[in-house]
Amino acid sequence: MIDKEDIEQAKRTDLAALVQAKGVHLKKNGKSLLGLCPFHADKTPSLSINTGKNLWQCFGCGAAGDAIRFVELFDQVDFKEAVKRLSDNGFKRTQAKPVKDNSEALSVKDKKLLARVVGFYQHSFEQDRRGLDYLTGERNINDLQSIKDFGTGFVNGTLTEILPHPLCQDSCHFQCQRLSTAPAVPGDQVPPRGGTWSPGTVGAGGGGGKFAACNP
């Protein structure tokens, strides 16, 4: 099992320094950095690095992610090995921005509703094999205990089928009958407002679904 702190430290690796160390020349373009994408035959710089968010994206081939994902693709290794390689790479870490805790702004009613939504996504992950197939097949994440610990959910688009019509006069914050019966997470616990869904929701491929993992 990969230690959560090791993952967070790997994500904070100075992405610009890492990419340049891999041989990619970067040029400043406004608030971003541009360079030739190493993942396809790039003739004009299409690799963009957001230094503020420490994320990268290629507008040519569509590849994107954080430092871990870059190492996965560039070195052709799995998630665990990428984290290991970044754990002691000599690059400085970016400073994690403090997250303001606004959990008190949520009412008990809202917290229960969010717990239902989280539970719905987790239930979708258990029922829809595409989420697990994507993790094990395309991302080489085979640690089932870690998948469980991170509260993994699968966003496959079915939540919209149970939401009320936007013209519904009952402004109930999506509390329709079917959503109220969706399985809740243990203890109705939900991440506080401002919490994260890691790494940023990524496509599961094929069906247009999305994978999301709730960081408790």
N, C-alpha and C. Protein backbone atom coordinates (compact mmCIF):
# COMPACT_ATOMS: atom_id res chain seq x y z
N MET A 1 0.84 -1.20 0.00
CA MET A 1 0.00 0.00 0.00
C MET A 1 0.88 1.25 0.00
N ILE A 2 0.54 2.22 -0.83
CA ILE A 2 1.30 3.45 -0.93
C ILE A 2 0.86 4.40 0.17
N ASP A 3 1.82 4.97 0.88
CA ASP A 3 1.51 5.93 1.93
C ASP A 3 0.92 7.19 1.31
N LYS A 4 -0.16 7.68 1.89
CA LYS A 4 -0.84 8.85 1.35
C LYS A 4 0.07 10.08 1.33
N GLU A 5 0.91 10.24 2.34
CA GLU A 5 1.82 11.38 2.40
C GLU A 5 2.84 11.31 1.28
N ASP A 6 3.29 10.10 0.92
CA ASP A 6 4.23 9.95 -0.19
C ASP A 6 3.60 10.40 -1.50
N ILE A 7 2.32 10.09 -1.67
CA ILE A 7 1.61 10.50 -2.88
C ILE A 7 1.50 12.02 -2.95
N GLU A 8 1.14 12.63 -1.82
CA GLU A 8 0.99 14.08 -1.79
C GLU A 8 2.32 14.78 -2.05
N GLN A 9 3.40 14.26 -1.50
CA GLN A 9 4.72 14.85 -1.73
C GLN A 9 5.12 14.71 -3.19
N ALA A 10 4.82 13.57 -3.79
CA ALA A 10 5.15 13.36 -5.20
C ALA A 10 4.40 14.35 -6.08
N LYS A 11 3.15 14.64 -5.73
CA LYS A 11 2.36 15.60 -6.50
C LYS A 11 2.93 17.01 -6.41
N ARG A 12 3.60 17.29 -5.29
CA ARG A 12 4.15 18.64 -5.09
C ARG A 12 5.54 18.82 -5.70
N THR A 13 6.03 17.81 -6.41
CA THR A 13 7.31 17.95 -7.10
C THR A 13 7.23 19.11 -8.08
N ASP A 14 8.29 19.91 -8.13
CA ASP A 14 8.34 21.04 -9.06
C ASP A 14 8.21 20.50 -10.48
N LEU A 15 7.02 20.66 -11.06
CA LEU A 15 6.72 20.05 -12.35
C LEU A 15 7.59 20.62 -13.47
N ALA A 16 7.79 21.93 -13.47
CA ALA A 16 8.59 22.56 -14.52
C ALA A 16 10.02 22.02 -14.51
N ALA A 17 10.61 21.90 -13.32
CA ALA A 17 11.97 21.38 -13.20
C ALA A 17 12.03 19.92 -13.65
N LEU A 18 11.00 19.16 -13.30
CA LEU A 18 10.95 17.75 -13.68
C LEU A 18 10.89 17.60 -15.20
N VAL A 19 10.01 18.36 -15.84
CA VAL A 19 9.84 18.25 -17.29
C VAL A 19 11.12 18.66 -18.01
N GLN A 20 11.76 19.73 -17.55
CA GLN A 20 13.00 20.17 -18.17
C GLN A 20 14.12 19.14 -17.97
N ALA A 21 14.12 18.48 -16.81
CA ALA A 21 15.12 17.45 -16.54
C ALA A 21 14.95 16.26 -17.48
N LYS A 22 13.74 16.10 -18.01
CA LYS A 22 13.48 15.01 -18.96
C LYS A 22 13.84 15.41 -20.39
N GLY A 23 14.39 16.63 -20.55
CA GLY A 23 14.85 17.06 -21.87
C GLY A 23 13.89 17.93 -22.65
N VAL A 24 12.83 18.39 -22.02
CA VAL A 24 11.85 19.24 -22.70
C VAL A 24 12.18 20.71 -22.42
N HIS A 25 12.45 21.47 -23.48
CA HIS A 25 12.74 22.90 -23.33
C HIS A 25 11.43 23.66 -23.16
N LEU A 26 11.36 24.49 -22.16
CA LEU A 26 10.14 25.24 -21.86
C LEU A 26 10.37 26.73 -22.06
N LYS A 27 9.35 27.39 -22.59
CA LYS A 27 9.39 28.83 -22.80
C LYS A 27 8.16 29.46 -22.14
N LYS A 28 8.39 30.57 -21.47
CA LYS A 28 7.30 31.24 -20.76
C LYS A 28 6.28 31.79 -21.75
N ASN A 29 5.02 31.58 -21.45
CA ASN A 29 3.92 32.08 -22.28
C ASN A 29 2.83 32.58 -21.36
N GLY A 30 2.90 33.86 -21.00
CA GLY A 30 1.96 34.40 -20.04
C GLY A 30 2.23 33.82 -18.66
N LYS A 31 1.21 33.23 -18.05
CA LYS A 31 1.37 32.61 -16.74
C LYS A 31 1.76 31.15 -16.84
N SER A 32 1.83 30.64 -18.06
CA SER A 32 2.16 29.22 -18.27
C SER A 32 3.51 29.06 -18.93
N LEU A 33 3.92 27.80 -19.05
CA LEU A 33 5.14 27.43 -19.76
C LEU A 33 4.76 26.50 -20.91
N LEU A 34 5.38 26.70 -22.05
CA LEU A 34 5.08 25.87 -23.22
C LEU A 34 6.31 25.11 -23.68
N GLY A 35 6.08 23.92 -24.22
CA GLY A 35 7.18 23.12 -24.75
C GLY A 35 6.63 22.06 -25.69
N LEU A 36 7.54 21.37 -26.37
CA LEU A 36 7.14 20.29 -27.27
C LEU A 36 6.72 19.07 -26.44
N CYS A 37 5.57 18.53 -26.75
CA CYS A 37 5.07 17.37 -26.01
C CYS A 37 5.88 16.13 -26.36
N PRO A 38 6.39 15.42 -25.37
CA PRO A 38 7.19 14.22 -25.63
C PRO A 38 6.36 12.97 -25.91
N PHE A 39 5.02 13.11 -25.86
CA PHE A 39 4.16 11.93 -25.99
C PHE A 39 3.55 11.77 -27.37
N HIS A 40 3.88 12.67 -28.29
CA HIS A 40 3.47 12.50 -29.68
C HIS A 40 4.41 13.32 -30.56
N ALA A 41 4.32 13.16 -31.85
CA ALA A 41 5.20 13.87 -32.78
C ALA A 41 4.79 15.34 -32.84
N ASP A 42 5.24 16.08 -31.87
CA ASP A 42 4.85 17.48 -31.73
C ASP A 42 5.82 18.39 -32.49
N LYS A 43 5.29 19.19 -33.43
CA LYS A 43 6.13 20.10 -34.20
C LYS A 43 6.03 21.53 -33.70
N THR A 44 4.91 21.87 -33.11
CA THR A 44 4.72 23.19 -32.51
C THR A 44 4.41 22.98 -31.03
N PRO A 45 4.99 23.77 -30.14
CA PRO A 45 4.78 23.57 -28.70
C PRO A 45 3.31 23.48 -28.32
N SER A 46 2.91 22.33 -27.81
CA SER A 46 1.51 22.15 -27.40
C SER A 46 1.40 21.67 -25.96
N LEU A 47 2.57 21.46 -25.32
CA LEU A 47 2.57 21.06 -23.92
C LEU A 47 2.55 22.31 -23.05
N SER A 48 1.52 22.45 -22.25
CA SER A 48 1.36 23.62 -21.40
C SER A 48 1.45 23.22 -19.93
N ILE A 49 2.24 23.97 -19.18
CA ILE A 49 2.39 23.71 -17.75
C ILE A 49 1.86 24.89 -16.95
N ASN A 50 0.89 24.62 -16.10
CA ASN A 50 0.33 25.63 -15.21
C ASN A 50 1.16 25.60 -13.93
N THR A 51 2.06 26.58 -13.79
CA THR A 51 2.96 26.58 -12.64
C THR A 51 2.23 26.86 -11.34
N GLY A 52 1.10 27.55 -11.43
CA GLY A 52 0.34 27.85 -10.22
C GLY A 52 -0.31 26.61 -9.63
N LYS A 53 -0.87 25.78 -10.50
CA LYS A 53 -1.54 24.56 -10.05
C LYS A 53 -0.63 23.34 -10.11
N ASN A 54 0.57 23.51 -10.70
CA ASN A 54 1.52 22.41 -10.83
C ASN A 54 0.91 21.24 -11.61
N LEU A 55 0.24 21.59 -12.71
CA LEU A 55 -0.38 20.59 -13.58
C LEU A 55 0.05 20.84 -15.02
N TRP A 56 -0.06 19.81 -15.86
CA TRP A 56 0.32 19.94 -17.26
C TRP A 56 -0.77 19.39 -18.17
N GLN A 57 -0.79 19.88 -19.40
CA GLN A 57 -1.76 19.41 -20.38
C GLN A 57 -1.21 19.62 -21.78
N CYS A 58 -1.42 18.65 -22.65
CA CYS A 58 -1.03 18.78 -24.05
C CYS A 58 -2.27 19.04 -24.88
N PHE A 59 -2.27 20.15 -25.61
CA PHE A 59 -3.42 20.50 -26.44
C PHE A 59 -3.38 19.78 -27.78
N GLY A 60 -2.32 18.98 -27.99
CA GLY A 60 -2.23 18.23 -29.23
C GLY A 60 -2.78 16.82 -29.10
N CYS A 61 -2.24 16.07 -28.13
CA CYS A 61 -2.67 14.67 -27.97
C CYS A 61 -3.69 14.49 -26.85
N GLY A 62 -3.87 15.51 -26.01
CA GLY A 62 -4.87 15.43 -24.95
C GLY A 62 -4.36 14.87 -23.64
N ALA A 63 -3.11 14.43 -23.59
CA ALA A 63 -2.56 13.90 -22.35
C ALA A 63 -2.48 15.03 -21.31
N ALA A 64 -2.66 14.68 -20.03
CA ALA A 64 -2.66 15.70 -19.00
C ALA A 64 -2.51 15.05 -17.64
N GLY A 65 -2.18 15.87 -16.65
CA GLY A 65 -2.11 15.34 -15.29
C GLY A 65 -1.14 16.10 -14.41
N ASP A 66 -0.62 15.41 -13.41
CA ASP A 66 0.32 16.01 -12.48
C ASP A 66 1.70 15.40 -12.68
N ALA A 67 2.60 15.63 -11.73
CA ALA A 67 3.96 15.11 -11.86
C ALA A 67 3.97 13.58 -11.92
N ILE A 68 3.11 12.95 -11.13
CA ILE A 68 3.06 11.49 -11.12
C ILE A 68 2.67 10.95 -12.49
N ARG A 69 1.66 11.54 -13.08
CA ARG A 69 1.18 11.09 -14.38
C ARG A 69 2.25 11.31 -15.46
N PHE A 70 3.00 12.40 -15.35
CA PHE A 70 4.05 12.67 -16.33
C PHE A 70 5.11 11.58 -16.29
N VAL A 71 5.52 11.19 -15.08
CA VAL A 71 6.52 10.14 -14.94
C VAL A 71 5.97 8.81 -15.42
N GLU A 72 4.69 8.54 -15.13
CA GLU A 72 4.06 7.30 -15.60
C GLU A 72 4.21 7.16 -17.12
N LEU A 73 3.87 8.25 -17.83
CA LEU A 73 3.88 8.20 -19.29
C LEU A 73 5.31 8.26 -19.85
N PHE A 74 6.13 9.14 -19.28
CA PHE A 74 7.48 9.33 -19.83
C PHE A 74 8.37 8.12 -19.57
N ASP A 75 8.34 7.61 -18.35
CA ASP A 75 9.18 6.46 -17.98
C ASP A 75 8.50 5.12 -18.24
N GLN A 76 7.21 5.17 -18.61
CA GLN A 76 6.42 3.97 -18.88
C GLN A 76 6.44 3.03 -17.67
N VAL A 77 6.04 3.57 -16.53
CA VAL A 77 5.97 2.79 -15.30
C VAL A 77 4.57 2.93 -14.71
N ASP A 78 4.25 2.10 -13.72
CA ASP A 78 2.93 2.19 -13.11
C ASP A 78 2.92 3.27 -12.03
N PHE A 79 1.76 3.47 -11.44
CA PHE A 79 1.55 4.55 -10.47
C PHE A 79 2.49 4.42 -9.28
N LYS A 80 2.59 3.21 -8.72
CA LYS A 80 3.42 3.01 -7.53
C LYS A 80 4.89 3.32 -7.81
N GLU A 81 5.37 2.88 -8.97
CA GLU A 81 6.77 3.12 -9.31
C GLU A 81 7.02 4.61 -9.57
N ALA A 82 6.04 5.28 -10.16
CA ALA A 82 6.19 6.72 -10.42
C ALA A 82 6.31 7.48 -9.11
N VAL A 83 5.47 7.12 -8.14
CA VAL A 83 5.54 7.78 -6.82
C VAL A 83 6.89 7.52 -6.18
N LYS A 84 7.37 6.30 -6.30
CA LYS A 84 8.66 5.93 -5.72
C LYS A 84 9.79 6.75 -6.34
N ARG A 85 9.74 6.92 -7.65
CA ARG A 85 10.80 7.67 -8.34
C ARG A 85 10.78 9.15 -7.99
N LEU A 86 9.61 9.65 -7.64
CA LEU A 86 9.48 11.07 -7.30
C LEU A 86 9.73 11.34 -5.82
N SER A 87 9.75 10.29 -5.02
CA SER A 87 9.87 10.47 -3.57
C SER A 87 11.22 11.02 -3.15
N ASP A 88 12.25 10.76 -3.96
CA ASP A 88 13.60 11.24 -3.61
C ASP A 88 14.33 11.62 -4.89
N ASN A 89 13.76 12.63 -5.58
CA ASN A 89 14.32 13.00 -6.88
C ASN A 89 15.18 14.26 -6.84
N GLY A 90 15.28 14.89 -5.68
CA GLY A 90 16.12 16.07 -5.57
C GLY A 90 15.45 17.36 -6.00
N PHE A 91 14.24 17.28 -6.56
CA PHE A 91 13.54 18.49 -6.96
C PHE A 91 12.85 19.11 -5.75
N LYS A 92 12.77 20.42 -5.76
CA LYS A 92 12.09 21.09 -4.66
C LYS A 92 10.60 20.84 -4.76
N ARG A 93 9.92 20.97 -3.64
CA ARG A 93 8.47 20.77 -3.61
C ARG A 93 7.77 22.11 -3.69
N THR A 94 6.66 22.13 -4.38
CA THR A 94 5.85 23.34 -4.40
C THR A 94 5.13 23.44 -3.06
N GLN A 95 4.83 24.63 -2.64
CA GLN A 95 4.15 24.82 -1.38
C GLN A 95 2.66 24.54 -1.52
N ALA A 96 2.16 23.66 -0.69
CA ALA A 96 0.73 23.35 -0.72
C ALA A 96 -0.06 24.54 -0.20
N LYS A 97 -1.03 24.96 -0.97
CA LYS A 97 -1.84 26.10 -0.56
C LYS A 97 -2.82 25.68 0.53
N PRO A 98 -2.88 26.44 1.62
CA PRO A 98 -3.80 26.09 2.70
C PRO A 98 -5.25 26.16 2.22
N VAL A 99 -6.00 25.17 2.63
CA VAL A 99 -7.41 25.12 2.24
C VAL A 99 -8.26 25.64 3.39
N LYS A 100 -9.02 26.64 3.09
CA LYS A 100 -9.89 27.23 4.11
C LYS A 100 -11.01 26.25 4.44
N ASP A 101 -11.17 26.01 5.70
CA ASP A 101 -12.21 25.08 6.14
C ASP A 101 -13.54 25.81 6.25
N ASN A 102 -14.40 25.52 5.30
CA ASN A 102 -15.73 26.14 5.29
C ASN A 102 -16.81 25.13 5.68
N SER A 103 -16.38 24.05 6.33
CA SER A 103 -17.34 22.99 6.64
C SER A 103 -18.48 23.49 7.53
N GLU A 104 -18.21 24.52 8.35
CA GLU A 104 -19.25 25.03 9.23
C GLU A 104 -20.37 25.69 8.44
N ALA A 105 -20.06 26.10 7.20
CA ALA A 105 -21.07 26.76 6.37
C ALA A 105 -22.10 25.77 5.85
N LEU A 106 -21.80 24.48 5.94
CA LEU A 106 -22.72 23.46 5.47
C LEU A 106 -23.70 23.10 6.57
N SER A 107 -24.95 23.05 6.21
CA SER A 107 -25.96 22.64 7.16
C SER A 107 -25.96 21.13 7.29
N VAL A 108 -26.60 20.62 8.31
CA VAL A 108 -26.71 19.18 8.51
C VAL A 108 -27.42 18.56 7.32
N LYS A 109 -28.40 19.28 6.81
CA LYS A 109 -29.17 18.79 5.66
C LYS A 109 -28.26 18.65 4.43
N ASP A 110 -27.40 19.66 4.21
CA ASP A 110 -26.48 19.62 3.06
C ASP A 110 -25.47 18.50 3.21
N LYS A 111 -24.96 18.30 4.43
CA LYS A 111 -23.98 17.25 4.66
C LYS A 111 -24.56 15.87 4.38
N LYS A 112 -25.81 15.68 4.79
CA LYS A 112 -26.46 14.40 4.54
C LYS A 112 -26.67 14.18 3.05
N LEU A 113 -27.00 15.27 2.34
CA LEU A 113 -27.20 15.17 0.90
C LEU A 113 -25.89 14.83 0.20
N LEU A 114 -24.80 15.50 0.59
CA LEU A 114 -23.50 15.21 -0.01
C LEU A 114 -23.06 13.78 0.28
N ALA A 115 -23.40 13.30 1.48
CA ALA A 115 -23.07 11.92 1.82
C ALA A 115 -23.79 10.96 0.88
N ARG A 116 -25.03 11.30 0.52
CA ARG A 116 -25.78 10.46 -0.42
C ARG A 116 -25.13 10.46 -1.80
N VAL A 117 -24.66 11.64 -2.23
CA VAL A 117 -24.02 11.74 -3.55
C VAL A 117 -22.73 10.93 -3.57
N VAL A 118 -21.91 11.08 -2.52
CA VAL A 118 -20.66 10.32 -2.43
C VAL A 118 -20.97 8.83 -2.43
N GLY A 119 -21.98 8.45 -1.64
CA GLY A 119 -22.37 7.04 -1.58
C GLY A 119 -22.85 6.53 -2.93
N PHE A 120 -23.54 7.40 -3.68
CA PHE A 120 -24.03 7.01 -5.00
C PHE A 120 -22.86 6.69 -5.93
N TYR A 121 -21.82 7.55 -5.91
CA TYR A 121 -20.66 7.32 -6.77
C TYR A 121 -19.90 6.06 -6.35
N GLN A 122 -19.80 5.83 -5.04
CA GLN A 122 -19.12 4.62 -4.58
C GLN A 122 -19.91 3.38 -4.97
N HIS A 123 -21.22 3.48 -4.88
CA HIS A 123 -22.07 2.36 -5.28
C HIS A 123 -21.93 2.10 -6.78
N SER A 124 -21.82 3.19 -7.58
CA SER A 124 -21.64 3.05 -9.02
C SER A 124 -20.34 2.34 -9.34
N PHE A 125 -19.31 2.63 -8.55
CA PHE A 125 -18.01 1.97 -8.76
C PHE A 125 -18.12 0.47 -8.52
N GLU A 126 -18.91 0.09 -7.51
CA GLU A 126 -19.06 -1.33 -7.20
C GLU A 126 -19.89 -2.05 -8.25
N GLN A 127 -20.84 -1.34 -8.85
CA GLN A 127 -21.76 -1.97 -9.80
C GLN A 127 -21.26 -1.93 -11.24
N ASP A 128 -20.46 -0.93 -11.58
CA ASP A 128 -20.00 -0.73 -12.96
C ASP A 128 -18.53 -1.12 -13.05
N ARG A 129 -18.22 -2.18 -13.75
CA ARG A 129 -16.87 -2.71 -13.83
C ARG A 129 -15.89 -1.78 -14.55
N ARG A 130 -16.39 -0.82 -15.31
CA ARG A 130 -15.50 0.04 -16.10
C ARG A 130 -14.54 0.82 -15.22
N GLY A 131 -14.99 1.24 -14.03
CA GLY A 131 -14.13 2.00 -13.14
C GLY A 131 -12.93 1.20 -12.70
N LEU A 132 -13.17 -0.01 -12.20
CA LEU A 132 -12.08 -0.87 -11.73
C LEU A 132 -11.20 -1.32 -12.89
N ASP A 133 -11.83 -1.62 -14.03
CA ASP A 133 -11.07 -2.05 -15.20
C ASP A 133 -10.11 -0.95 -15.65
N TYR A 134 -10.55 0.31 -15.56
CA TYR A 134 -9.70 1.43 -15.95
C TYR A 134 -8.50 1.55 -15.01
N LEU A 135 -8.76 1.44 -13.72
CA LEU A 135 -7.68 1.58 -12.74
C LEU A 135 -6.64 0.47 -12.88
N THR A 136 -7.11 -0.76 -12.99
CA THR A 136 -6.19 -1.89 -13.04
C THR A 136 -5.57 -2.06 -14.43
N GLY A 137 -6.35 -1.80 -15.48
CA GLY A 137 -5.86 -2.03 -16.83
C GLY A 137 -5.04 -0.91 -17.41
N GLU A 138 -5.49 0.36 -17.23
CA GLU A 138 -4.82 1.48 -17.85
C GLU A 138 -3.89 2.23 -16.90
N ARG A 139 -4.20 2.22 -15.61
CA ARG A 139 -3.36 2.95 -14.66
C ARG A 139 -2.48 2.02 -13.81
N ASN A 140 -2.67 0.72 -13.97
CA ASN A 140 -1.89 -0.28 -13.22
C ASN A 140 -1.99 -0.08 -11.70
N ILE A 141 -3.16 0.33 -11.25
CA ILE A 141 -3.41 0.47 -9.82
C ILE A 141 -4.16 -0.79 -9.38
N ASN A 142 -3.45 -1.69 -8.73
CA ASN A 142 -4.03 -2.99 -8.37
C ASN A 142 -4.19 -3.18 -6.87
N ASP A 143 -3.86 -2.16 -6.10
CA ASP A 143 -3.98 -2.24 -4.65
C ASP A 143 -5.43 -1.99 -4.26
N LEU A 144 -6.20 -3.05 -4.13
CA LEU A 144 -7.62 -2.94 -3.84
C LEU A 144 -7.89 -2.28 -2.49
N GLN A 145 -6.98 -2.48 -1.53
CA GLN A 145 -7.16 -1.86 -0.22
C GLN A 145 -7.03 -0.34 -0.32
N SER A 146 -6.08 0.14 -1.12
CA SER A 146 -5.91 1.58 -1.31
C SER A 146 -7.13 2.16 -2.02
N ILE A 147 -7.64 1.44 -3.00
CA ILE A 147 -8.83 1.89 -3.72
C ILE A 147 -10.00 2.05 -2.76
N LYS A 148 -10.10 1.12 -1.83
CA LYS A 148 -11.17 1.17 -0.83
C LYS A 148 -10.94 2.30 0.16
N ASP A 149 -9.67 2.44 0.62
CA ASP A 149 -9.35 3.46 1.62
C ASP A 149 -9.61 4.88 1.10
N PHE A 150 -9.38 5.09 -0.19
CA PHE A 150 -9.58 6.42 -0.77
C PHE A 150 -11.05 6.69 -1.13
N GLY A 151 -11.92 5.76 -0.81
CA GLY A 151 -13.34 5.98 -1.07
C GLY A 151 -13.63 6.17 -2.54
N THR A 152 -13.04 5.33 -3.36
CA THR A 152 -13.14 5.48 -4.81
C THR A 152 -14.58 5.41 -5.30
N GLY A 153 -14.92 6.32 -6.20
CA GLY A 153 -16.24 6.32 -6.82
C GLY A 153 -16.11 6.36 -8.33
N PHE A 154 -17.17 6.04 -9.02
CA PHE A 154 -17.16 6.07 -10.49
C PHE A 154 -18.29 6.96 -10.99
N VAL A 155 -17.91 8.02 -11.69
CA VAL A 155 -18.89 8.98 -12.23
C VAL A 155 -19.22 8.54 -13.65
N ASN A 156 -20.28 7.82 -13.80
CA ASN A 156 -20.63 7.28 -15.12
C ASN A 156 -21.82 7.98 -15.77
N GLY A 157 -22.21 9.12 -15.22
CA GLY A 157 -23.28 9.90 -15.84
C GLY A 157 -24.68 9.54 -15.40
N THR A 158 -24.81 8.53 -14.55
CA THR A 158 -26.15 8.09 -14.17
C THR A 158 -26.79 8.98 -13.10
N LEU A 159 -25.98 9.79 -12.43
CA LEU A 159 -26.55 10.67 -11.40
C LEU A 159 -27.56 11.63 -11.99
N THR A 160 -27.31 12.09 -13.22
CA THR A 160 -28.22 13.05 -13.85
C THR A 160 -29.60 12.45 -14.11
N GLU A 161 -29.65 11.12 -14.17
CA GLU A 161 -30.93 10.47 -14.44
C GLU A 161 -31.86 10.51 -13.23
N ILE A 162 -31.31 10.78 -12.05
CA ILE A 162 -32.15 10.78 -10.86
C ILE A 162 -32.35 12.17 -10.29
N LEU A 163 -31.80 13.19 -10.97
CA LEU A 163 -31.99 14.55 -10.50
C LEU A 163 -33.32 15.08 -10.99
N PRO A 164 -33.94 15.98 -10.23
CA PRO A 164 -35.23 16.55 -10.64
C PRO A 164 -35.05 17.48 -11.83
N HIS A 165 -36.12 17.73 -12.54
CA HIS A 165 -36.09 18.63 -13.69
C HIS A 165 -35.72 20.03 -13.22
N PRO A 166 -34.89 20.76 -13.99
CA PRO A 166 -34.45 22.09 -13.55
C PRO A 166 -35.60 23.07 -13.33
N LEU A 167 -36.75 22.81 -13.93
CA LEU A 167 -37.90 23.71 -13.75
C LEU A 167 -38.77 23.29 -12.58
N CYS A 168 -38.34 22.26 -11.87
CA CYS A 168 -39.10 21.78 -10.72
C CYS A 168 -39.27 22.91 -9.70
N GLN A 169 -40.47 23.14 -9.24
CA GLN A 169 -40.74 24.22 -8.31
C GLN A 169 -40.22 23.91 -6.92
N ASP A 170 -39.99 22.63 -6.65
CA ASP A 170 -39.51 22.25 -5.34
C ASP A 170 -38.00 22.35 -5.30
N SER A 171 -37.48 23.49 -4.89
CA SER A 171 -36.03 23.71 -4.83
C SER A 171 -35.47 22.96 -3.63
N CYS A 172 -35.23 21.67 -3.83
CA CYS A 172 -34.87 20.81 -2.71
C CYS A 172 -33.42 20.39 -2.76
N HIS A 173 -32.62 21.08 -3.57
CA HIS A 173 -31.19 20.74 -3.66
C HIS A 173 -31.00 19.27 -4.03
N PHE A 174 -31.74 18.84 -5.06
CA PHE A 174 -31.59 17.50 -5.63
C PHE A 174 -32.08 16.38 -4.70
N GLN A 175 -32.88 16.72 -3.73
CA GLN A 175 -33.35 15.67 -2.82
C GLN A 175 -34.59 15.00 -3.39
N CYS A 176 -34.42 14.29 -4.47
CA CYS A 176 -35.54 13.57 -5.04
C CYS A 176 -35.63 12.20 -4.37
N GLN A 177 -36.70 11.51 -4.64
CA GLN A 177 -36.95 10.26 -3.94
C GLN A 177 -35.87 9.22 -4.23
N ARG A 178 -35.43 9.12 -5.50
CA ARG A 178 -34.46 8.09 -5.84
C ARG A 178 -33.09 8.38 -5.23
N LEU A 179 -32.71 9.65 -5.17
CA LEU A 179 -31.43 9.99 -4.57
C LEU A 179 -31.44 9.70 -3.08
N SER A 180 -32.59 9.89 -2.46
CA SER A 180 -32.67 9.67 -1.02
C SER A 180 -32.48 8.21 -0.66
N THR A 181 -32.65 7.32 -1.64
CA THR A 181 -32.48 5.89 -1.38
C THR A 181 -31.09 5.40 -1.79
N ALA A 182 -30.25 6.31 -2.34
CA ALA A 182 -28.89 5.90 -2.72
C ALA A 182 -28.09 5.57 -1.47
N PRO A 183 -27.20 4.59 -1.55
CA PRO A 183 -26.42 4.20 -0.37
C PRO A 183 -25.54 5.34 0.11
N ALA A 184 -25.48 5.51 1.41
CA ALA A 184 -24.65 6.57 1.98
C ALA A 184 -23.32 6.01 2.41
N VAL A 185 -22.32 6.90 2.50
CA VAL A 185 -21.02 6.46 2.99
C VAL A 185 -21.16 6.20 4.48
N PRO A 186 -20.29 5.36 5.06
CA PRO A 186 -20.39 5.02 6.48
C PRO A 186 -20.44 6.25 7.37
N GLY A 187 -21.45 6.29 8.21
CA GLY A 187 -21.56 7.39 9.16
C GLY A 187 -21.95 8.70 8.53
N ASP A 188 -22.41 8.66 7.28
CA ASP A 188 -22.76 9.89 6.57
C ASP A 188 -21.63 10.90 6.62
N GLN A 189 -20.38 10.42 6.48
CA GLN A 189 -19.23 11.31 6.50
C GLN A 189 -18.95 11.80 5.09
N VAL A 190 -18.70 13.07 4.92
CA VAL A 190 -18.39 13.65 3.62
C VAL A 190 -17.20 14.56 3.78
N PRO A 191 -16.43 14.77 2.68
CA PRO A 191 -15.31 15.70 2.76
C PRO A 191 -15.83 17.11 2.94
N PRO A 192 -15.13 17.98 3.70
CA PRO A 192 -15.58 19.34 3.89
C PRO A 192 -15.54 20.10 2.59
N ARG A 193 -16.31 21.17 2.51
CA ARG A 193 -16.28 21.99 1.32
C ARG A 193 -14.86 22.49 1.13
N GLY A 194 -14.35 22.35 -0.09
CA GLY A 194 -12.96 22.68 -0.33
C GLY A 194 -12.08 21.45 -0.35
N GLY A 195 -12.67 20.27 -0.04
CA GLY A 195 -11.93 19.02 -0.10
C GLY A 195 -11.65 18.68 -1.55
N THR A 196 -10.89 17.62 -1.79
CA THR A 196 -10.46 17.30 -3.14
C THR A 196 -10.98 15.96 -3.60
N TRP A 197 -11.07 15.85 -4.91
CA TRP A 197 -11.37 14.58 -5.56
C TRP A 197 -10.17 14.28 -6.44
N SER A 198 -9.42 13.23 -6.16
CA SER A 198 -8.16 12.99 -6.80
C SER A 198 -8.26 12.01 -7.95
N PRO A 199 -6.92 12.41 -8.95
CA PRO A 199 -6.33 13.59 -9.27
C PRO A 199 -7.15 14.40 -10.07
N GLY A 200 -7.93 14.96 -9.65
CA GLY A 200 -8.70 15.67 -10.64
C GLY A 200 -9.35 14.65 -11.46
N THR A 201 -10.50 14.66 -11.57
CA THR A 201 -11.27 13.60 -12.19
C THR A 201 -10.71 13.27 -13.56
N VAL A 202 -10.51 12.03 -13.86
CA VAL A 202 -9.94 11.62 -15.13
C VAL A 202 -10.87 10.66 -15.83
N GLY A 203 -10.88 10.72 -17.17
CA GLY A 203 -11.78 9.88 -17.95
C GLY A 203 -11.46 8.41 -17.82
N ALA A 204 -12.49 7.60 -17.79
CA ALA A 204 -12.29 6.16 -17.70
C ALA A 204 -12.25 5.52 -19.07
N GLY A 205 -12.47 6.29 -20.09
CA GLY A 205 -12.33 5.80 -21.45
C GLY A 205 -13.52 4.99 -21.93
N GLY A 206 -13.77 5.10 -23.21
CA GLY A 206 -14.79 4.26 -23.84
C GLY A 206 -16.19 4.75 -23.58
N GLY A 207 -16.66 4.67 -22.33
CA GLY A 207 -18.05 4.99 -22.04
C GLY A 207 -18.27 6.42 -21.65
N GLY A 208 -17.24 7.23 -21.62
CA GLY A 208 -17.42 8.62 -21.26
C GLY A 208 -17.57 8.83 -19.77
N GLY A 209 -17.34 7.76 -18.99
CA GLY A 209 -17.44 7.89 -17.56
C GLY A 209 -16.23 8.57 -16.98
N LYS A 210 -16.28 8.87 -15.72
CA LYS A 210 -15.15 9.50 -15.06
C LYS A 210 -14.89 8.81 -13.74
N PHE A 211 -13.60 8.77 -13.41
CA PHE A 211 -13.17 8.16 -12.16
C PHE A 211 -12.92 9.25 -11.14
N ALA A 212 -13.39 9.06 -9.93
CA ALA A 212 -13.13 10.05 -8.89
C ALA A 212 -12.83 9.33 -7.59
N ALA A 213 -11.84 9.80 -6.88
CA ALA A 213 -11.51 9.23 -5.58
C ALA A 213 -11.60 10.32 -4.54
N CYS A 214 -12.36 10.08 -3.51
CA CYS A 214 -12.53 11.09 -2.47
C CYS A 214 -11.41 10.96 -1.47
N ASN A 215 -10.66 12.06 -1.26
CA ASN A 215 -9.60 12.05 -0.25
C ASN A 215 -10.21 12.35 1.09
N PRO A 216 -10.31 11.36 1.98
CA PRO A 216 -10.94 11.62 3.27
C PRO A 216 -10.11 12.59 4.10
